[in-house]
Amino acid sequence: MLMIGRTLVLLVTWVWVLSGSSAFADSILRDTNGDGQLEILAFGDSITYGVGDGTQPGEYVATIQGRGSPGGYPLRLSALVGVPVYNAGVPGEELVGSGAIGSGIDRFPNLVVGSSVDVVIIMEGSNDSQHFVTSRTYSTTLQKAINVARSEGKQVVLATLPPQTGNHAQFAGFTYAYSESVRQLVTLNSLSLSDVEQAFLQGCPDLSTCAYLNLPEGLHPNTPGYDAITDTMAAALN
């Protein structure tokens, strides 16, 4: 079933590319700046970067040392939809806070303003939860990023956050609240939603044994988890 779904996504994408039909004028997957190239920017933190990718369910992962090479969903999504997806994930970054890594809201305009990308996917906030950023502050900051992208004529996709469990369970309440803020902003701004949180909760009714997360670390997805994120992102685009 998964392969059939991915084949259909590729088929729809290639029909769009080959036909250039005006029937797809309202699609997320379109060349908004008219440069003849469809490009996607994947913005976020370590979960966008792909930390934890390469491990399988059942492997004991208490902590993840090092970031490794970029992986995660951007590479998979690029192969799936047949267009470039640039990985702009920075491990450890917070959307709101400045911290040692810096803040996503400060980095975001430098990536988006004047860029050739047509679609921007935003999935960030897990690190904010560890600094107890309120959902109101998170929502206000995310709206600023939306405003920047839309002022540049970019299509915007917002993604909810994977739930946290295990060693990160104490922060789960914050990420659940952030994800609800994401849904509200999607409605307010008429955007496309990739509901990663719900995909994980449906695939993992028991988060303590979740096949999508590295356990007991409980924050970063494993290989099947990144596969699930990819499918959810593709559905949001198509």
Protein backbone atom coordinates (compact mmCIF):
# COMPACT_ATOMS: atom_id res chain seq x y z
CA MET A 1 0.00 0.00 0.00
CA LEU A 2 2.84 2.41 0.83
CA MET A 3 4.52 1.87 -2.54
CA ILE A 4 1.19 2.37 -4.33
CA GLY A 5 0.70 5.67 -2.51
CA ARG A 6 4.18 6.88 -3.41
CA THR A 7 3.72 5.86 -7.03
CA LEU A 8 0.53 7.91 -7.20
CA VAL A 9 2.30 10.92 -5.73
CA LEU A 10 5.02 10.67 -8.37
CA LEU A 11 2.42 10.22 -11.11
CA VAL A 12 0.51 13.32 -10.06
CA THR A 13 3.75 15.31 -9.92
CA TRP A 14 4.89 14.22 -13.39
CA VAL A 15 1.45 14.93 -14.88
CA TRP A 16 1.73 18.44 -13.48
CA VAL A 17 5.26 18.92 -14.81
CA LEU A 18 4.47 17.59 -18.27
CA SER A 19 1.09 19.19 -18.77
CA GLY A 20 1.58 22.67 -17.31
CA SER A 21 -2.21 22.65 -17.03
CA SER A 22 -4.00 25.60 -15.46
CA ALA A 23 -6.01 23.01 -13.54
CA PHE A 24 -3.07 22.89 -11.14
CA ALA A 25 -2.98 26.65 -10.62
CA ASP A 26 -4.02 26.34 -6.98
CA SER A 27 -1.68 23.44 -6.18
CA ILE A 28 1.07 23.80 -3.58
CA LEU A 29 3.47 22.24 -6.08
CA ARG A 30 3.83 25.06 -8.56
CA ASP A 31 6.49 27.41 -9.85
CA THR A 32 5.39 30.54 -8.02
CA ASN A 33 8.28 32.77 -9.12
CA GLY A 34 8.17 31.74 -12.78
CA ASP A 35 11.85 30.77 -13.07
CA GLY A 36 11.00 27.42 -14.65
CA GLN A 37 12.15 25.40 -11.64
CA LEU A 38 10.11 24.07 -8.74
CA GLU A 39 12.10 24.10 -5.50
CA ILE A 40 11.19 23.35 -1.87
CA LEU A 41 12.91 24.55 1.31
CA ALA A 42 12.62 22.32 4.38
CA PHE A 43 13.16 24.54 7.42
CA GLY A 44 13.57 23.28 10.96
CA ASP A 45 15.82 21.78 13.60
CA SER A 46 17.43 18.36 14.09
CA ILE A 47 14.25 16.54 13.09
CA THR A 48 14.41 18.26 9.71
CA TYR A 49 18.16 17.66 9.52
CA GLY A 50 17.56 13.96 10.14
CA VAL A 51 19.23 13.22 13.48
CA GLY A 52 18.45 9.63 14.50
CA ASP A 53 17.90 8.43 10.95
CA GLY A 54 19.42 5.04 10.21
CA THR A 55 18.23 3.27 13.35
CA GLN A 56 15.46 0.69 13.45
CA PRO A 57 12.65 -0.11 15.90
CA GLY A 58 13.91 -2.13 18.82
CA GLU A 59 17.39 -0.63 18.87
CA TYR A 60 18.27 0.79 22.30
CA VAL A 61 19.03 4.50 21.85
CA ALA A 62 19.28 6.47 25.10
CA THR A 63 21.11 9.42 23.57
CA ILE A 64 22.23 10.33 20.06
CA GLN A 65 25.85 11.33 19.70
CA GLY A 66 26.65 13.62 16.78
CA ARG A 67 24.43 14.75 13.98
CA GLY A 68 25.79 12.60 11.13
CA SER A 69 25.10 13.47 7.52
CA PRO A 70 21.86 15.24 6.57
CA GLY A 71 19.06 12.73 6.10
CA GLY A 72 15.53 12.70 7.44
CA TYR A 73 12.55 13.58 5.28
CA PRO A 74 14.00 16.14 2.80
CA LEU A 75 16.01 13.59 0.81
CA ARG A 76 13.11 11.16 0.77
CA LEU A 77 10.60 13.85 -0.20
CA SER A 78 12.80 15.05 -3.05
CA ALA A 79 12.95 11.54 -4.48
CA LEU A 80 9.24 11.07 -3.96
CA VAL A 81 7.96 14.23 -5.64
CA GLY A 82 10.80 14.57 -8.14
CA VAL A 83 11.90 18.13 -7.28
CA PRO A 84 14.76 19.58 -5.20
CA VAL A 85 14.08 19.75 -1.46
CA TYR A 86 16.78 21.70 0.36
CA ASN A 87 17.54 20.58 3.91
CA ALA A 88 17.70 23.71 6.09
CA GLY A 89 17.56 21.90 9.41
CA VAL A 90 19.90 23.02 12.21
CA PRO A 91 20.23 20.59 15.14
CA GLY A 92 19.61 22.21 18.51
CA GLU A 93 17.97 25.33 17.12
CA GLU A 94 14.93 26.88 18.78
CA LEU A 95 12.32 28.77 16.79
CA VAL A 96 11.89 31.45 19.48
CA GLY A 97 14.92 31.44 21.78
CA SER A 98 18.41 32.59 20.93
CA GLY A 99 20.47 30.06 22.95
CA ALA A 100 23.90 28.88 21.87
CA ILE A 101 22.67 27.78 18.43
CA GLY A 102 20.65 30.91 17.70
CA SER A 103 16.98 31.27 16.87
CA GLY A 104 15.12 30.00 13.85
CA ILE A 105 13.11 33.18 13.49
CA ASP A 106 16.36 35.13 13.06
CA ARG A 107 17.76 32.66 10.52
CA PHE A 108 14.56 32.25 8.52
CA PRO A 109 14.54 35.55 6.57
CA ASN A 110 18.13 35.01 5.40
CA LEU A 111 17.05 31.75 3.76
CA VAL A 112 13.76 32.92 2.29
CA VAL A 113 14.04 36.56 1.28
CA GLY A 114 15.24 36.79 -2.31
CA SER A 115 15.56 33.01 -2.66
CA SER A 116 14.42 30.98 -5.66
CA VAL A 117 12.41 28.43 -3.63
CA ASP A 118 8.69 28.20 -4.34
CA VAL A 119 7.51 26.23 -1.31
CA VAL A 120 8.65 26.53 2.31
CA ILE A 121 7.96 23.76 4.82
CA ILE A 122 8.31 24.80 8.47
CA MET A 123 8.62 22.22 11.26
CA GLU A 124 10.37 23.54 14.37
CA GLY A 125 9.74 23.83 18.09
CA SER A 126 10.89 20.69 19.88
CA ASN A 127 13.87 22.51 21.38
CA ASP A 128 11.67 25.41 22.47
CA SER A 129 9.77 22.96 24.66
CA GLN A 130 12.92 22.26 26.65
CA HIS A 131 13.10 25.96 27.51
CA PHE A 132 9.41 26.14 28.44
CA VAL A 133 8.45 28.61 25.70
CA THR A 134 4.72 29.24 25.94
CA SER A 135 2.43 28.24 23.10
CA ARG A 136 1.35 31.88 22.74
CA THR A 137 4.93 33.04 22.20
CA TYR A 138 5.56 30.12 19.86
CA SER A 139 2.44 30.95 17.82
CA THR A 140 3.32 34.65 17.55
CA THR A 141 6.84 33.80 16.38
CA LEU A 142 5.67 31.23 13.85
CA GLN A 143 3.23 33.79 12.44
CA LYS A 144 6.19 36.11 11.83
CA ALA A 145 7.87 33.39 9.75
CA ILE A 146 4.66 32.86 7.78
CA ASN A 147 4.47 36.59 7.08
CA VAL A 148 8.03 36.67 5.78
CA ALA A 149 7.47 33.72 3.45
CA ARG A 150 4.16 34.99 2.10
CA SER A 151 5.53 38.49 1.54
CA GLU A 152 8.05 36.80 -0.76
CA GLY A 153 5.30 34.95 -2.64
CA LYS A 154 6.21 31.53 -1.25
CA GLN A 155 3.73 28.73 -0.68
CA VAL A 156 3.87 27.70 2.99
CA VAL A 157 3.34 24.27 4.54
CA LEU A 158 3.24 24.02 8.34
CA ALA A 159 3.98 20.76 10.11
CA THR A 160 3.02 19.71 13.60
CA LEU A 161 5.72 18.14 15.77
CA PRO A 162 6.37 14.49 16.51
CA PRO A 163 5.24 13.67 20.06
CA GLN A 164 7.88 13.22 22.74
CA THR A 165 8.13 10.25 25.07
CA GLY A 166 10.68 8.33 27.12
CA ASN A 167 13.55 10.52 28.26
CA HIS A 168 11.79 13.60 26.84
CA ALA A 169 8.27 12.87 28.10
CA GLN A 170 8.38 15.83 30.51
CA PHE A 171 8.33 18.22 27.54
CA ALA A 172 5.46 16.55 25.68
CA GLY A 173 2.84 18.98 26.97
CA PHE A 174 4.63 21.86 25.31
CA THR A 175 4.98 20.21 21.92
CA TYR A 176 1.34 19.13 21.97
CA ALA A 177 0.41 22.77 22.60
CA TYR A 178 2.72 23.95 19.80
CA SER A 179 1.13 21.50 17.39
CA GLU A 180 -2.31 22.83 18.26
CA SER A 181 -1.00 26.33 17.57
CA VAL A 182 0.21 25.12 14.19
CA ARG A 183 -3.26 23.85 13.32
CA GLN A 184 -4.81 27.15 14.35
CA LEU A 185 -2.34 29.11 12.21
CA VAL A 186 -3.03 26.84 9.24
CA THR A 187 -6.71 27.71 9.51
CA LEU A 188 -6.09 31.40 10.13
CA ASN A 189 -3.73 31.74 7.16
CA SER A 190 -5.38 29.20 4.82
CA LEU A 191 -2.21 27.09 4.59
CA SER A 192 -1.50 23.44 3.93
CA LEU A 193 -0.95 21.21 6.99
CA SER A 194 1.34 18.24 7.44
CA ASP A 195 0.00 16.73 10.66
CA VAL A 196 3.06 14.77 11.72
CA GLU A 197 1.87 14.54 15.31
CA GLN A 198 -1.34 12.74 14.33
CA ALA A 199 0.54 10.42 11.96
CA PHE A 200 2.75 9.35 14.86
CA LEU A 201 -0.11 8.99 17.32
CA GLN A 202 -2.08 6.88 14.85
CA GLY A 203 0.96 4.72 14.09
CA CYS A 204 1.95 4.49 17.76
CA PRO A 205 -1.05 4.20 20.08
CA ASP A 206 1.49 3.38 22.82
CA LEU A 207 4.28 5.96 22.59
CA SER A 208 6.40 4.07 25.10
CA THR A 209 6.88 1.36 22.47
CA CYS A 210 6.55 3.60 19.40
CA ALA A 211 8.06 2.08 16.27
CA TYR A 212 8.63 5.57 14.85
CA LEU A 213 10.85 6.97 17.63
CA ASN A 214 14.31 6.17 18.93
CA LEU A 215 13.73 4.73 22.39
CA PRO A 216 14.17 5.43 25.22
CA GLU A 217 15.54 8.73 23.85
CA GLY A 218 12.01 9.57 22.76
CA LEU A 219 12.66 12.73 20.76
CA HIS A 220 14.12 11.92 17.35
CA PRO A 221 12.46 9.62 14.81
CA ASN A 222 14.15 6.47 13.55
CA THR A 223 14.14 5.31 9.93
CA PRO A 224 10.44 4.26 9.87
CA GLY A 225 9.61 7.51 11.66
CA TYR A 226 11.25 9.59 8.97
CA ASP A 227 9.46 7.50 6.35
CA ALA A 228 6.16 8.37 8.05
CA ILE A 229 7.03 12.07 8.11
CA THR A 230 7.87 11.92 4.40
CA ASP A 231 4.52 10.39 3.50
CA THR A 232 2.71 13.01 5.60
CA MET A 233 4.64 15.84 3.93
CA ALA A 234 3.93 14.45 0.47
CA ALA A 235 0.23 14.28 1.24
CA ALA A 236 0.28 17.94 2.33
CA LEU A 237 1.95 18.96 -0.94
CA ASN A 238 -0.37 17.00 -3.21
